[in-house]
Amino acid sequence: MVGGYLASALGTPPSREAIRQIPLDTLVRAASDLVVEVQTAPDPAKWGSLALSLLPFAPTVDGAVLPQAPLDAITARQGSEVPLLIGSNLDEAAHQAGRPCTTPDRTTAQLTDKVTEVDGPAGDHA
C-alpha cells in the first residue's frame, strides 16, 4: 500500500527496479512527504491501520517473514529467552524536522534502573 503511494508520488511504477532508479534525494523527499501526510491528515480510509500509528513505513505483517505485529509478539513474550541489545534515540530524525537534538546523557546505571522498573529484574522472564 505505502509502496504504491510512494511510487505514485514519484511518478514511477511500483516496483523495486523502478524505485531503485529514482535519485536518492528525490526518494527521501517523497518518503518524507508521505510521513507528513500520514501525520497531518491520518485518513483511515486511505491509510488503514497506519493512520493509528502515524508511521507509514512501519513493519508489515505478511504471515511469513513477519508473522504477527512486533508489539503483539513482544507482549506475548515471544523470544524472551533470547538476549537482546537495544537502543533508542530521543531525538531520532529531529534533524529532518529541523529541530535541535536535546538528548540528555544517561549512565548505564540509569538505563538499567529504567529497564528494571519497566520489565523487572534481569532473569525474571524464564
PDB file of N, CA and C in Angstrom:
ATOM      1  N   MET A   1       0.821  -1.186   0.000  1.00  0.00           N
ATOM      2  CA  MET A   1       0.000   0.000   0.000  1.00  0.00           C
ATOM      3  C   MET A   1       0.872   1.259   0.000  1.00  0.00           C
ATOM      4  N   VAL A   2       1.768   1.389   0.973  1.00  0.00           N
ATOM      5  CA  VAL A   2       2.604   2.576   1.069  1.00  0.00           C
ATOM      6  C   VAL A   2       3.548   2.653  -0.120  1.00  0.00           C
ATOM      7  N   GLY A   3       4.068   1.502  -0.524  1.00  0.00           N
ATOM      8  CA  GLY A   3       4.944   1.476  -1.694  1.00  0.00           C
ATOM      9  C   GLY A   3       4.234   1.989  -2.933  1.00  0.00           C
ATOM     10  N   GLY A   4       2.965   1.670  -3.070  1.00  0.00           N
ATOM     11  CA  GLY A   4       2.179   2.163  -4.194  1.00  0.00           C
ATOM     12  C   GLY A   4       2.006   3.666  -4.148  1.00  0.00           C
ATOM     13  N   TYR A   5       1.732   4.207  -2.941  1.00  0.00           N
ATOM     14  CA  TYR A   5       1.606   5.658  -2.790  1.00  0.00           C
ATOM     15  C   TYR A   5       2.944   6.345  -3.071  1.00  0.00           C
ATOM     16  N   LEU A   6       4.028   5.734  -2.609  1.00  0.00           N
ATOM     17  CA  LEU A   6       5.351   6.301  -2.852  1.00  0.00           C
ATOM     18  C   LEU A   6       5.662   6.303  -4.345  1.00  0.00           C
ATOM     19  N   ALA A   7       5.406   5.185  -5.014  1.00  0.00           N
ATOM     20  CA  ALA A   7       5.650   5.108  -6.460  1.00  0.00           C
ATOM     21  C   ALA A   7       4.813   6.139  -7.201  1.00  0.00           C
ATOM     22  N   SER A   8       3.565   6.286  -6.800  1.00  0.00           N
ATOM     23  CA  SER A   8       2.689   7.274  -7.438  1.00  0.00           C
ATOM     24  C   SER A   8       3.241   8.689  -7.266  1.00  0.00           C
ATOM     25  N   ALA A   9       3.704   9.005  -6.053  1.00  0.00           N
ATOM     26  CA  ALA A   9       4.270  10.331  -5.791  1.00  0.00           C
ATOM     27  C   ALA A   9       5.529  10.563  -6.617  1.00  0.00           C
ATOM     28  N   LEU A  10       6.245   9.484  -6.905  1.00  0.00           N
ATOM     29  CA  LEU A  10       7.474   9.579  -7.696  1.00  0.00           C
ATOM     30  C   LEU A  10       7.200   9.535  -9.194  1.00  0.00           C
ATOM     31  N   GLY A  11       5.963   9.172  -9.563  1.00  0.00           N
ATOM     32  CA  GLY A  11       5.629   9.059 -10.980  1.00  0.00           C
ATOM     33  C   GLY A  11       6.291   7.877 -11.640  1.00  0.00           C
ATOM     34  N   THR A  12       6.409   6.786 -10.908  1.00  0.00           N
ATOM     35  CA  THR A  12       7.086   5.591 -11.413  1.00  0.00           C
ATOM     36  C   THR A  12       6.265   4.351 -11.086  1.00  0.00           C
ATOM     37  N   PRO A  13       6.463   3.260 -11.800  1.00  0.00           N
ATOM     38  CA  PRO A  13       5.752   2.019 -11.457  1.00  0.00           C
ATOM     39  C   PRO A  13       6.147   1.548 -10.051  1.00  0.00           C
ATOM     40  N   PRO A  14       5.226   0.860  -9.367  1.00  0.00           N
ATOM     41  CA  PRO A  14       5.513   0.393  -8.001  1.00  0.00           C
ATOM     42  C   PRO A  14       6.327  -0.905  -7.996  1.00  0.00           C
ATOM     43  N   SER A  15       7.576  -0.814  -8.409  1.00  0.00           N
ATOM     44  CA  SER A  15       8.464  -1.981  -8.392  1.00  0.00           C
ATOM     45  C   SER A  15       9.814  -1.563  -7.829  1.00  0.00           C
ATOM     46  N   ARG A  16      10.536  -2.538  -7.289  1.00  0.00           N
ATOM     47  CA  ARG A  16      11.874  -2.244  -6.758  1.00  0.00           C
ATOM     48  C   ARG A  16      12.773  -1.658  -7.837  1.00  0.00           C
ATOM     49  N   GLU A  17      12.691  -2.273  -9.008  1.00  0.00           N
ATOM     50  CA  GLU A  17      13.555  -1.835 -10.100  1.00  0.00           C
ATOM     51  C   GLU A  17      13.299  -0.372 -10.456  1.00  0.00           C
ATOM     52  N   ALA A  18      12.026   0.010 -10.543  1.00  0.00           N
ATOM     53  CA  ALA A  18      11.685   1.383 -10.918  1.00  0.00           C
ATOM     54  C   ALA A  18      12.090   2.365  -9.822  1.00  0.00           C
ATOM     55  N   ILE A  19      11.787   2.023  -8.577  1.00  0.00           N
ATOM     56  CA  ILE A  19      12.109   2.924  -7.468  1.00  0.00           C
ATOM     57  C   ILE A  19      13.624   3.028  -7.291  1.00  0.00           C
ATOM     58  N   ARG A  20      14.336   1.953  -7.565  1.00  0.00           N
ATOM     59  CA  ARG A  20      15.799   1.960  -7.462  1.00  0.00           C
ATOM     60  C   ARG A  20      16.433   2.986  -8.404  1.00  0.00           C
ATOM     61  N   GLN A  21      15.750   3.310  -9.475  1.00  0.00           N
ATOM     62  CA  GLN A  21      16.274   4.260 -10.459  1.00  0.00           C
ATOM     63  C   GLN A  21      16.074   5.729 -10.051  1.00  0.00           C
ATOM     64  N   ILE A  22      15.289   5.959  -9.016  1.00  0.00           N
ATOM     65  CA  ILE A  22      14.995   7.325  -8.573  1.00  0.00           C
ATOM     66  C   ILE A  22      16.203   7.875  -7.812  1.00  0.00           C
ATOM     67  N   PRO A  23      16.609   9.104  -8.081  1.00  0.00           N
ATOM     68  CA  PRO A  23      17.712   9.696  -7.296  1.00  0.00           C
ATOM     69  C   PRO A  23      17.369   9.710  -5.805  1.00  0.00           C
ATOM     70  N   LEU A  24      18.371   9.446  -4.987  1.00  0.00           N
ATOM     71  CA  LEU A  24      18.157   9.309  -3.547  1.00  0.00           C
ATOM     72  C   LEU A  24      17.490  10.533  -2.936  1.00  0.00           C
ATOM     73  N   ASP A  25      17.925  11.733  -3.289  1.00  0.00           N
ATOM     74  CA  ASP A  25      17.324  12.922  -2.679  1.00  0.00           C
ATOM     75  C   ASP A  25      15.844  13.046  -3.040  1.00  0.00           C
ATOM     76  N   THR A  26      15.473  12.637  -4.250  1.00  0.00           N
ATOM     77  CA  THR A  26      14.064  12.669  -4.671  1.00  0.00           C
ATOM     78  C   THR A  26      13.260  11.631  -3.894  1.00  0.00           C
ATOM     79  N   LEU A  27      13.838  10.450  -3.720  1.00  0.00           N
ATOM     80  CA  LEU A  27      13.177   9.381  -2.973  1.00  0.00           C
ATOM     81  C   LEU A  27      12.965   9.789  -1.516  1.00  0.00           C
ATOM     82  N   VAL A  28      13.985  10.337  -0.889  1.00  0.00           N
ATOM     83  CA  VAL A  28      13.889  10.756   0.512  1.00  0.00           C
ATOM     84  C   VAL A  28      12.838  11.861   0.669  1.00  0.00           C
ATOM     85  N   ARG A  29      12.816  12.806  -0.253  1.00  0.00           N
ATOM     86  CA  ARG A  29      11.838  13.892  -0.185  1.00  0.00           C
ATOM     87  C   ARG A  29      10.417  13.338  -0.302  1.00  0.00           C
ATOM     88  N   ALA A  30      10.195  12.424  -1.263  1.00  0.00           N
ATOM     89  CA  ALA A  30       8.854  11.849  -1.441  1.00  0.00           C
ATOM     90  C   ALA A  30       8.440  11.031  -0.222  1.00  0.00           C
ATOM     91  N   ALA A  31       9.371  10.249   0.339  1.00  0.00           N
ATOM     92  CA  ALA A  31       9.062   9.460   1.534  1.00  0.00           C
ATOM     93  C   ALA A  31       8.735  10.379   2.709  1.00  0.00           C
ATOM     94  N   SER A  32       9.501  11.463   2.872  1.00  0.00           N
ATOM     95  CA  SER A  32       9.236  12.420   3.940  1.00  0.00           C
ATOM     96  C   SER A  32       7.873  13.073   3.767  1.00  0.00           C
ATOM     97  N   ASP A  33       7.520  13.376   2.520  1.00  0.00           N
ATOM     98  CA  ASP A  33       6.202  13.966   2.258  1.00  0.00           C
ATOM     99  C   ASP A  33       5.077  13.013   2.651  1.00  0.00           C
ATOM    100  N   LEU A  34       5.282  11.702   2.415  1.00  0.00           N
ATOM    101  CA  LEU A  34       4.268  10.720   2.829  1.00  0.00           C
ATOM    102  C   LEU A  34       4.130  10.682   4.350  1.00  0.00           C
ATOM    103  N   VAL A  35       5.251  10.738   5.042  1.00  0.00           N
ATOM    104  CA  VAL A  35       5.212  10.746   6.510  1.00  0.00           C
ATOM    105  C   VAL A  35       4.428  11.959   6.994  1.00  0.00           C
ATOM    106  N   VAL A  36       4.712  13.114   6.418  1.00  0.00           N
ATOM    107  CA  VAL A  36       3.994  14.334   6.813  1.00  0.00           C
ATOM    108  C   VAL A  36       2.505  14.178   6.535  1.00  0.00           C
ATOM    109  N   GLU A  37       2.161  13.612   5.390  1.00  0.00           N
ATOM    110  CA  GLU A  37       0.736  13.437   5.064  1.00  0.00           C
ATOM    111  C   GLU A  37       0.038  12.537   6.080  1.00  0.00           C
ATOM    112  N   VAL A  38       0.668  11.416   6.412  1.00  0.00           N
ATOM    113  CA  VAL A  38       0.051  10.492   7.373  1.00  0.00           C
ATOM    114  C   VAL A  38      -0.084  11.154   8.737  1.00  0.00           C
ATOM    115  N   GLN A  39       0.922  11.925   9.129  1.00  0.00           N
ATOM    116  CA  GLN A  39       0.903  12.529  10.455  1.00  0.00           C
ATOM    117  C   GLN A  39      -0.006  13.747  10.550  1.00  0.00           C
ATOM    118  N   THR A  40      -0.249  14.437   9.441  1.00  0.00           N
ATOM    119  CA  THR A  40      -1.080  15.637   9.499  1.00  0.00           C
ATOM    120  C   THR A  40      -2.501  15.397   9.005  1.00  0.00           C
ATOM    121  N   ALA A  41      -2.698  14.331   8.223  1.00  0.00           N
ATOM    122  CA  ALA A  41      -4.034  14.007   7.712  1.00  0.00           C
ATOM    123  C   ALA A  41      -4.211  12.486   7.739  1.00  0.00           C
ATOM    124  N   PRO A  42      -4.247  11.898   8.953  1.00  0.00           N
ATOM    125  CA  PRO A  42      -4.292  10.437   9.078  1.00  0.00           C
ATOM    126  C   PRO A  42      -5.659   9.855   8.706  1.00  0.00           C
ATOM    127  N   ASP A  43      -5.954   9.821   7.431  1.00  0.00           N
ATOM    128  CA  ASP A  43      -7.246   9.353   6.923  1.00  0.00           C
ATOM    129  C   ASP A  43      -7.295   7.825   6.912  1.00  0.00           C
ATOM    130  N   PRO A  44      -8.084   7.203   7.807  1.00  0.00           N
ATOM    131  CA  PRO A  44      -8.167   5.737   7.838  1.00  0.00           C
ATOM    132  C   PRO A  44      -8.679   5.138   6.526  1.00  0.00           C
ATOM    133  N   ALA A  45      -9.490   5.878   5.792  1.00  0.00           N
ATOM    134  CA  ALA A  45      -9.979   5.360   4.506  1.00  0.00           C
ATOM    135  C   ALA A  45      -8.823   5.173   3.531  1.00  0.00           C
ATOM    136  N   LYS A  46      -7.823   6.014   3.637  1.00  0.00           N
ATOM    137  CA  LYS A  46      -6.667   5.896   2.744  1.00  0.00           C
ATOM    138  C   LYS A  46      -5.576   5.024   3.350  1.00  0.00           C
ATOM    139  N   TRP A  47      -5.266   5.251   4.616  1.00  0.00           N
ATOM    140  CA  TRP A  47      -4.098   4.635   5.227  1.00  0.00           C
ATOM    141  C   TRP A  47      -4.395   3.395   6.064  1.00  0.00           C
ATOM    142  N   GLY A  48      -5.653   3.082   6.299  1.00  0.00           N
ATOM    143  CA  GLY A  48      -5.985   1.911   7.108  1.00  0.00           C
ATOM    144  C   GLY A  48      -5.415   2.048   8.506  1.00  0.00           C
ATOM    145  N   SER A  49      -4.876   0.946   9.048  1.00  0.00           N
ATOM    146  CA  SER A  49      -4.364   0.954  10.418  1.00  0.00           C
ATOM    147  C   SER A  49      -3.127   1.831  10.580  1.00  0.00           C
ATOM    148  N   LEU A  50      -2.456   2.170   9.487  1.00  0.00           N
ATOM    149  CA  LEU A  50      -1.307   3.066   9.591  1.00  0.00           C
ATOM    150  C   LEU A  50      -1.713   4.439  10.111  1.00  0.00           C
ATOM    151  N   ALA A  51      -2.969   4.805   9.907  1.00  0.00           N
ATOM    152  CA  ALA A  51      -3.453   6.091  10.414  1.00  0.00           C
ATOM    153  C   ALA A  51      -3.426   6.122  11.938  1.00  0.00           C
ATOM    154  N   LEU A  52      -3.476   4.966  12.578  1.00  0.00           N
ATOM    155  CA  LEU A  52      -3.422   4.904  14.036  1.00  0.00           C
ATOM    156  C   LEU A  52      -2.008   5.080  14.560  1.00  0.00           C
ATOM    157  N   SER A  53      -1.020   4.552  13.830  1.00  0.00           N
ATOM    158  CA  SER A  53       0.361   4.629  14.304  1.00  0.00           C
ATOM    159  C   SER A  53       1.073   5.873  13.818  1.00  0.00           C
ATOM    160  N   LEU A  54       0.564   6.487  12.748  1.00  0.00           N
ATOM    161  CA  LEU A  54       1.168   7.665  12.138  1.00  0.00           C
ATOM    162  C   LEU A  54       2.542   7.374  11.542  1.00  0.00           C
ATOM    163  N   LEU A  55       2.818   6.100  11.281  1.00  0.00           N
ATOM    164  CA  LEU A  55       4.102   5.690  10.714  1.00  0.00           C
ATOM    165  C   LEU A  55       3.864   4.919   9.417  1.00  0.00           C
ATOM    166  N   PRO A  56       3.917   5.586   8.271  1.00  0.00           N
ATOM    167  CA  PRO A  56       3.621   4.879   7.029  1.00  0.00           C
ATOM    168  C   PRO A  56       4.644   3.812   6.664  1.00  0.00           C
ATOM    169  N   PHE A  57       5.846   3.891   7.182  1.00  0.00           N
ATOM    170  CA  PHE A  57       6.860   2.897   6.850  1.00  0.00           C
ATOM    171  C   PHE A  57       7.079   1.926   8.007  1.00  0.00           C
ATOM    172  N   ALA A  58       5.997   1.561   8.684  1.00  0.00           N
ATOM    173  CA  ALA A  58       6.038   0.608   9.787  1.00  0.00           C
ATOM    174  C   ALA A  58       6.180  -0.813   9.236  1.00  0.00           C
ATOM    175  N   PRO A  59       6.608  -1.761  10.067  1.00  0.00           N
ATOM    176  CA  PRO A  59       6.677  -3.147   9.620  1.00  0.00           C
ATOM    177  C   PRO A  59       5.307  -3.646   9.154  1.00  0.00           C
ATOM    178  N   THR A  60       5.329  -4.482   8.126  1.00  0.00           N
ATOM    179  CA  THR A  60       4.091  -5.017   7.570  1.00  0.00           C
ATOM    180  C   THR A  60       3.986  -6.503   7.898  1.00  0.00           C
ATOM    181  N   VAL A  61       2.932  -6.874   8.588  1.00  0.00           N
ATOM    182  CA  VAL A  61       2.696  -8.281   8.900  1.00  0.00           C
ATOM    183  C   VAL A  61       2.273  -8.973   7.615  1.00  0.00           C
ATOM    184  N   ASP A  62       3.082  -9.981   7.203  1.00  0.00           N
ATOM    185  CA  ASP A  62       2.784 -10.692   5.959  1.00  0.00           C
ATOM    186  C   ASP A  62       2.495 -12.174   6.195  1.00  0.00           C
ATOM    187  N   GLY A  63       2.609 -12.629   7.446  1.00  0.00           N
ATOM    188  CA  GLY A  63       2.329 -14.018   7.760  1.00  0.00           C
ATOM    189  C   GLY A  63       3.507 -14.948   7.532  1.00  0.00           C
ATOM    190  N   ALA A  64       4.545 -14.491   6.836  1.00  0.00           N
ATOM    191  CA  ALA A  64       5.707 -15.346   6.555  1.00  0.00           C
ATOM    192  C   ALA A  64       6.960 -14.771   7.217  1.00  0.00           C
ATOM    193  N   VAL A  65       7.461 -13.665   6.693  1.00  0.00           N
ATOM    194  CA  VAL A  65       8.650 -13.045   7.265  1.00  0.00           C
ATOM    195  C   VAL A  65       8.313 -12.419   8.613  1.00  0.00           C
ATOM    196  N   LEU A  66       7.176 -11.769   8.680  1.00  0.00           N
ATOM    197  CA  LEU A  66       6.704 -11.161   9.920  1.00  0.00           C
ATOM    198  C   LEU A  66       5.317 -11.732  10.214  1.00  0.00           C
ATOM    199  N   PRO A  67       5.270 -12.794  11.044  1.00  0.00           N
ATOM    200  CA  PRO A  67       4.003 -13.492  11.250  1.00  0.00           C
ATOM    201  C   PRO A  67       2.974 -12.746  12.095  1.00  0.00           C
ATOM    202  N   GLN A  68       3.420 -11.815  12.926  1.00  0.00           N
ATOM    203  CA  GLN A  68       2.475 -11.025  13.718  1.00  0.00           C
ATOM    204  C   GLN A  68       3.105  -9.675  14.023  1.00  0.00           C
ATOM    205  N   ALA A  69       2.272  -8.739  14.442  1.00  0.00           N
ATOM    206  CA  ALA A  69       2.759  -7.397  14.739  1.00  0.00           C
ATOM    207  C   ALA A  69       3.830  -7.464  15.832  1.00  0.00           C
ATOM    208  N   PRO A  70       4.926  -6.722  15.664  1.00  0.00           N
ATOM    209  CA  PRO A  70       6.008  -6.784  16.657  1.00  0.00           C
ATOM    210  C   PRO A  70       5.550  -6.528  18.090  1.00  0.00           C
ATOM    211  N   LEU A  71       4.689  -5.539  18.321  1.00  0.00           N
ATOM    212  CA  LEU A  71       4.244  -5.278  19.693  1.00  0.00           C
ATOM    213  C   LEU A  71       3.419  -6.429  20.254  1.00  0.00           C
ATOM    214  N   ASP A  72       2.641  -7.099  19.398  1.00  0.00           N
ATOM    215  CA  ASP A  72       1.882  -8.265  19.862  1.00  0.00           C
ATOM    216  C   ASP A  72       2.832  -9.390  20.256  1.00  0.00           C
ATOM    217  N   ALA A  73       3.878  -9.601  19.465  1.00  0.00           N
ATOM    218  CA  ALA A  73       4.861 -10.649  19.782  1.00  0.00           C
ATOM    219  C   ALA A  73       5.595 -10.327  21.078  1.00  0.00           C
ATOM    220  N   ILE A  74       5.966  -9.079  21.255  1.00  0.00           N
ATOM    221  CA  ILE A  74       6.661  -8.672  22.479  1.00  0.00           C
ATOM    222  C   ILE A  74       5.748  -8.832  23.685  1.00  0.00           C
ATOM    223  N   THR A  75       4.499  -8.429  23.550  1.00  0.00           N
ATOM    224  CA  THR A  75       3.528  -8.554  24.640  1.00  0.00           C
ATOM    225  C   THR A  75       3.337 -10.022  25.028  1.00  0.00           C
ATOM    226  N   ALA A  76       3.371 -10.910  24.040  1.00  0.00           N
ATOM    227  CA  ALA A  76       3.217 -12.346  24.298  1.00  0.00           C
ATOM    228  C   ALA A  76       4.526 -12.987  24.772  1.00  0.00           C
ATOM    229  N   ARG A  77       5.570 -12.154  24.923  1.00  0.00           N
ATOM    230  CA  ARG A  77       6.883 -12.576  25.414  1.00  0.00           C
ATOM    231  C   ARG A  77       7.552 -13.584  24.491  1.00  0.00           C
ATOM    232  N   GLN A  78       7.209 -13.562  23.214  1.00  0.00           N
ATOM    233  CA  GLN A  78       7.873 -14.437  22.256  1.00  0.00           C
ATOM    234  C   GLN A  78       9.324 -13.990  22.104  1.00  0.00           C
ATOM    235  N   GLY A  79      10.220 -14.928  22.171  1.00  0.00           N
ATOM    236  CA  GLY A  79      11.633 -14.618  22.055  1.00  0.00           C
ATOM    237  C   GLY A  79      12.241 -14.061  23.325  1.00  0.00           C
ATOM    238  N   SER A  80      11.514 -14.132  24.438  1.00  0.00           N
ATOM    239  CA  SER A  80      12.024 -13.533  25.677  1.00  0.00           C
ATOM    240  C   SER A  80      13.274 -14.238  26.201  1.00  0.00           C
ATOM    241  N   GLU A  81      13.528 -15.452  25.719  1.00  0.00           N
ATOM    242  CA  GLU A  81      14.720 -16.172  26.163  1.00  0.00           C
ATOM    243  C   GLU A  81      15.959 -15.773  25.365  1.00  0.00           C
ATOM    244  N   VAL A  82      15.795 -14.948  24.359  1.00  0.00           N
ATOM    245  CA  VAL A  82      16.903 -14.525  23.510  1.00  0.00           C
ATOM    246  C   VAL A  82      17.469 -13.208  24.035  1.00  0.00           C
ATOM    247  N   PRO A  83      18.774 -13.186  24.365  1.00  0.00           N
ATOM    248  CA  PRO A  83      19.365 -11.921  24.816  1.00  0.00           C
ATOM    249  C   PRO A  83      19.222 -10.862  23.715  1.00  0.00           C
ATOM    250  N   LEU A  84      18.963  -9.648  24.128  1.00  0.00           N
ATOM    251  CA  LEU A  84      18.707  -8.593  23.166  1.00  0.00           C
ATOM    252  C   LEU A  84      19.388  -7.308  23.601  1.00  0.00           C
ATOM    253  N   LEU A  85      20.108  -6.696  22.688  1.00  0.00           N
ATOM    254  CA  LEU A  85      20.713  -5.397  22.922  1.00  0.00           C
ATOM    255  C   LEU A  85      19.937  -4.392  22.090  1.00  0.00           C
ATOM    256  N   ILE A  86      19.367  -3.410  22.749  1.00  0.00           N
ATOM    257  CA  ILE A  86      18.558  -2.424  22.032  1.00  0.00           C
ATOM    258  C   ILE A  86      19.052  -1.022  22.346  1.00  0.00           C
ATOM    259  N   GLY A  87      18.603  -0.102  21.557  1.00  0.00           N
ATOM    260  CA  GLY A  87      18.940   1.285  21.812  1.00  0.00           C
ATOM    261  C   GLY A  87      17.828   2.169  21.304  1.00  0.00           C
ATOM    262  N   SER A  88      17.853   3.384  21.692  1.00  0.00           N
ATOM    263  CA  SER A  88      16.882   4.343  21.194  1.00  0.00           C
ATOM    264  C   SER A  88      17.530   5.709  21.150  1.00  0.00           C
ATOM    265  N   ASN A  89      16.873   6.586  20.486  1.00  0.00           N
ATOM    266  CA  ASN A  89      17.388   7.926  20.314  1.00  0.00           C
ATOM    267  C   ASN A  89      16.232   8.881  20.539  1.00  0.00           C
ATOM    268  N   LEU A  90      16.268   9.606  21.614  1.00  0.00           N
ATOM    269  CA  LEU A  90      15.190  10.526  21.960  1.00  0.00           C
ATOM    270  C   LEU A  90      14.894  11.494  20.824  1.00  0.00           C
ATOM    271  N   ASP A  91      15.931  11.897  20.119  1.00  0.00           N
ATOM    272  CA  ASP A  91      15.778  12.891  19.071  1.00  0.00           C
ATOM    273  C   ASP A  91      15.914  12.288  17.675  1.00  0.00           C
ATOM    274  N   GLU A  92      15.563  11.021  17.529  1.00  0.00           N
ATOM    275  CA  GLU A  92      15.684  10.387  16.230  1.00  0.00           C
ATOM    276  C   GLU A  92      14.924  11.190  15.183  1.00  0.00           C
ATOM    277  N   ALA A  93      15.585  11.487  14.107  1.00  0.00           N
ATOM    278  CA  ALA A  93      15.037  12.232  12.973  1.00  0.00           C
ATOM    279  C   ALA A  93      14.751  13.695  13.305  1.00  0.00           C
ATOM    280  N   ALA A  94      15.216  14.179  14.445  1.00  0.00           N
ATOM    281  CA  ALA A  94      14.992  15.587  14.784  1.00  0.00           C
ATOM    282  C   ALA A  94      15.613  16.498  13.741  1.00  0.00           C
ATOM    283  N   HIS A  95      16.774  16.087  13.248  1.00  0.00           N
ATOM    284  CA  HIS A  95      17.436  16.918  12.239  1.00  0.00           C
ATOM    285  C   HIS A  95      16.607  17.024  10.965  1.00  0.00           C
ATOM    286  N   GLN A  96      15.836  15.977  10.653  1.00  0.00           N
ATOM    287  CA  GLN A  96      14.984  16.016   9.467  1.00  0.00           C
ATOM    288  C   GLN A  96      13.802  16.956   9.667  1.00  0.00           C
ATOM    289  N   ALA A  97      13.409  17.132  10.905  1.00  0.00           N
ATOM    290  CA  ALA A  97      12.287  18.016  11.204  1.00  0.00           C
ATOM    291  C   ALA A  97      12.754  19.431  11.521  1.00  0.00           C
ATOM    292  N   GLY A  98      14.078  19.645  11.423  1.00  0.00           N
ATOM    293  CA  GLY A  98      14.607  20.979  11.683  1.00  0.00           C
ATOM    294  C   GLY A  98      14.689  21.330  13.148  1.00  0.00           C
ATOM    295  N   ARG A  99      14.653  20.294  14.023  1.00  0.00           N
ATOM    296  CA  ARG A  99      14.749  20.534  15.467  1.00  0.00           C
ATOM    297  C   ARG A  99      16.153  20.187  15.943  1.00  0.00           C
ATOM    298  N   PRO A 100      16.657  20.877  16.955  1.00  0.00           N
ATOM    299  CA  PRO A 100      17.968  20.515  17.505  1.00  0.00           C
ATOM    300  C   PRO A 100      17.860  19.245  18.357  1.00  0.00           C
ATOM    301  N   CYS A 101      18.943  18.518  18.448  1.00  0.00           N
ATOM    302  CA  CYS A 101      18.972  17.335  19.308  1.00  0.00           C
ATOM    303  C   CYS A 101      19.156  17.783  20.750  1.00  0.00           C
ATOM    304  N   THR A 102      18.370  17.193  21.650  1.00  0.00           N
ATOM    305  CA  THR A 102      18.409  17.583  23.060  1.00  0.00           C
ATOM    306  C   THR A 102      18.539  16.379  23.980  1.00  0.00           C
ATOM    307  N   THR A 103      19.065  15.279  23.463  1.00  0.00           N
ATOM    308  CA  THR A 103      19.143  14.053  24.246  1.00  0.00           C
ATOM    309  C   THR A 103      20.044  14.234  25.459  1.00  0.00           C
ATOM    310  N   PRO A 104      19.491  14.010  26.661  1.00  0.00           N
ATOM    311  CA  PRO A 104      20.341  14.101  27.855  1.00  0.00           C
ATOM    312  C   PRO A 104      21.233  12.865  27.954  1.00  0.00           C
ATOM    313  N   ASP A 105      22.395  13.040  28.550  1.00  0.00           N
ATOM    314  CA  ASP A 105      23.287  11.899  28.765  1.00  0.00           C
ATOM    315  C   ASP A 105      22.675  11.000  29.824  1.00  0.00           C
ATOM    316  N   ARG A 106      22.770   9.712  29.601  1.00  0.00           N
ATOM    317  CA  ARG A 106      22.274   8.730  30.565  1.00  0.00           C
ATOM    318  C   ARG A 106      23.429   7.794  30.910  1.00  0.00           C
ATOM    319  N   THR A 107      23.506   7.418  32.167  1.00  0.00           N
ATOM    320  CA  THR A 107      24.526   6.461  32.575  1.00  0.00           C
ATOM    321  C   THR A 107      23.978   5.055  32.411  1.00  0.00           C
ATOM    322  N   THR A 108      24.867   4.088  32.378  1.00  0.00           N
ATOM    323  CA  THR A 108      24.444   2.693  32.300  1.00  0.00           C
ATOM    324  C   THR A 108      23.546   2.344  33.472  1.00  0.00           C
ATOM    325  N   ALA A 109      23.877   2.842  34.647  1.00  0.00           N
ATOM    326  CA  ALA A 109      23.064   2.556  35.842  1.00  0.00           C
ATOM    327  C   ALA A 109      21.657   3.130  35.695  1.00  0.00           C
ATOM    328  N   GLN A 110      21.542   4.348  35.172  1.00  0.00           N
ATOM    329  CA  GLN A 110      20.217   4.948  34.975  1.00  0.00           C
ATOM    330  C   GLN A 110      19.393   4.125  33.984  1.00  0.00           C
ATOM    331  N   LEU A 111      20.018   3.699  32.899  1.00  0.00           N
ATOM    332  CA  LEU A 111      19.300   2.898  31.902  1.00  0.00           C
ATOM    333  C   LEU A 111      18.891   1.545  32.481  1.00  0.00           C
ATOM    334  N   THR A 112      19.794   0.922  33.229  1.00  0.00           N
ATOM    335  CA  THR A 112      19.483  -0.368  33.843  1.00  0.00           C
ATOM    336  C   THR A 112      18.331  -0.220  34.831  1.00  0.00           C
ATOM    337  N   ASP A 113      18.342   0.826  35.637  1.00  0.00           N
ATOM    338  CA  ASP A 113      17.255   1.076  36.581  1.00  0.00           C
ATOM    339  C   ASP A 113      15.924   1.248  35.856  1.00  0.00           C
ATOM    340  N   LYS A 114      15.927   1.971  34.741  1.00  0.00           N
ATOM    341  CA  LYS A 114      14.682   2.210  33.993  1.00  0.00           C
ATOM    342  C   LYS A 114      14.152   0.905  33.401  1.00  0.00           C
ATOM    343  N   VAL A 115      15.036   0.088  32.815  1.00  0.00           N
ATOM    344  CA  VAL A 115      14.609  -1.198  32.247  1.00  0.00           C
ATOM    345  C   VAL A 115      14.056  -2.089  33.348  1.00  0.00           C
ATOM    346  N   THR A 116      14.714  -2.126  34.504  1.00  0.00           N
ATOM    347  CA  THR A 116      14.244  -2.940  35.633  1.00  0.00           C
ATOM    348  C   THR A 116      12.883  -2.441  36.104  1.00  0.00           C
ATOM    349  N   GLU A 117      12.711  -1.139  36.156  1.00  0.00           N
ATOM    350  CA  GLU A 117      11.436  -0.547  36.575  1.00  0.00           C
ATOM    351  C   GLU A 117      10.302  -0.990  35.639  1.00  0.00           C
ATOM    352  N   VAL A 118      10.581  -1.009  34.356  1.00  0.00           N
ATOM    353  CA  VAL A 118       9.559  -1.328  33.374  1.00  0.00           C
ATOM    354  C   VAL A 118       9.350  -2.826  33.208  1.00  0.00           C
ATOM    355  N   ASP A 119      10.468  -3.596  33.212  1.00  0.00           N
ATOM    356  CA  ASP A 119      10.400  -5.009  32.816  1.00  0.00           C
ATOM    357  C   ASP A 119      10.771  -5.971  33.935  1.00  0.00           C
ATOM    358  N   GLY A 120      11.142  -5.491  35.085  1.00  0.00           N
ATOM    359  CA  GLY A 120      11.532  -6.372  36.184  1.00  0.00           C
ATOM    360  C   GLY A 120      13.010  -6.706  36.108  1.00  0.00           C
ATOM    361  N   PRO A 121      13.533  -7.342  37.156  1.00  0.00           N
ATOM    362  CA  PRO A 121      14.966  -7.674  37.190  1.00  0.00           C
ATOM    363  C   PRO A 121      15.344  -8.638  36.062  1.00  0.00           C
ATOM    364  N   ALA A 122      16.580  -8.541  35.608  1.00  0.00           N
ATOM    365  CA  ALA A 122      17.092  -9.453  34.595  1.00  0.00           C
ATOM    366  C   ALA A 122      16.977 -10.884  35.102  1.00  0.00           C
ATOM    367  N   GLY A 123      16.604 -11.782  34.216  1.00  0.00           N
ATOM    368  CA  GLY A 123      16.494 -13.186  34.586  1.00  0.00           C
ATOM    369  C   GLY A 123      15.120 -13.574  35.097  1.00  0.00           C
ATOM    370  N   ASP A 124      14.206 -12.626  35.277  1.00  0.00           N
ATOM    371  CA  ASP A 124      12.860 -12.913  35.773  1.00  0.00           C
ATOM    372  C   ASP A 124      11.924 -13.452  34.697  1.00  0.00           C
ATOM    373  N   HIS A 125      12.387 -13.613  33.478  1.00  0.00           N
ATOM    374  CA  HIS A 125      11.473 -13.901  32.393  1.00  0.00           C
ATOM    375  C   HIS A 125      11.611 -15.300  31.812  1.00  0.00           C
ATOM    376  N   ALA A 126      12.214 -16.191  32.550  1.00  0.00           N
ATOM    377  CA  ALA A 126      12.397 -17.549  32.035  1.00  0.00           C
ATOM    378  C   ALA A 126      11.109 -18.325  32.048  1.00  0.00           C
TER     379      ALA A 126
END
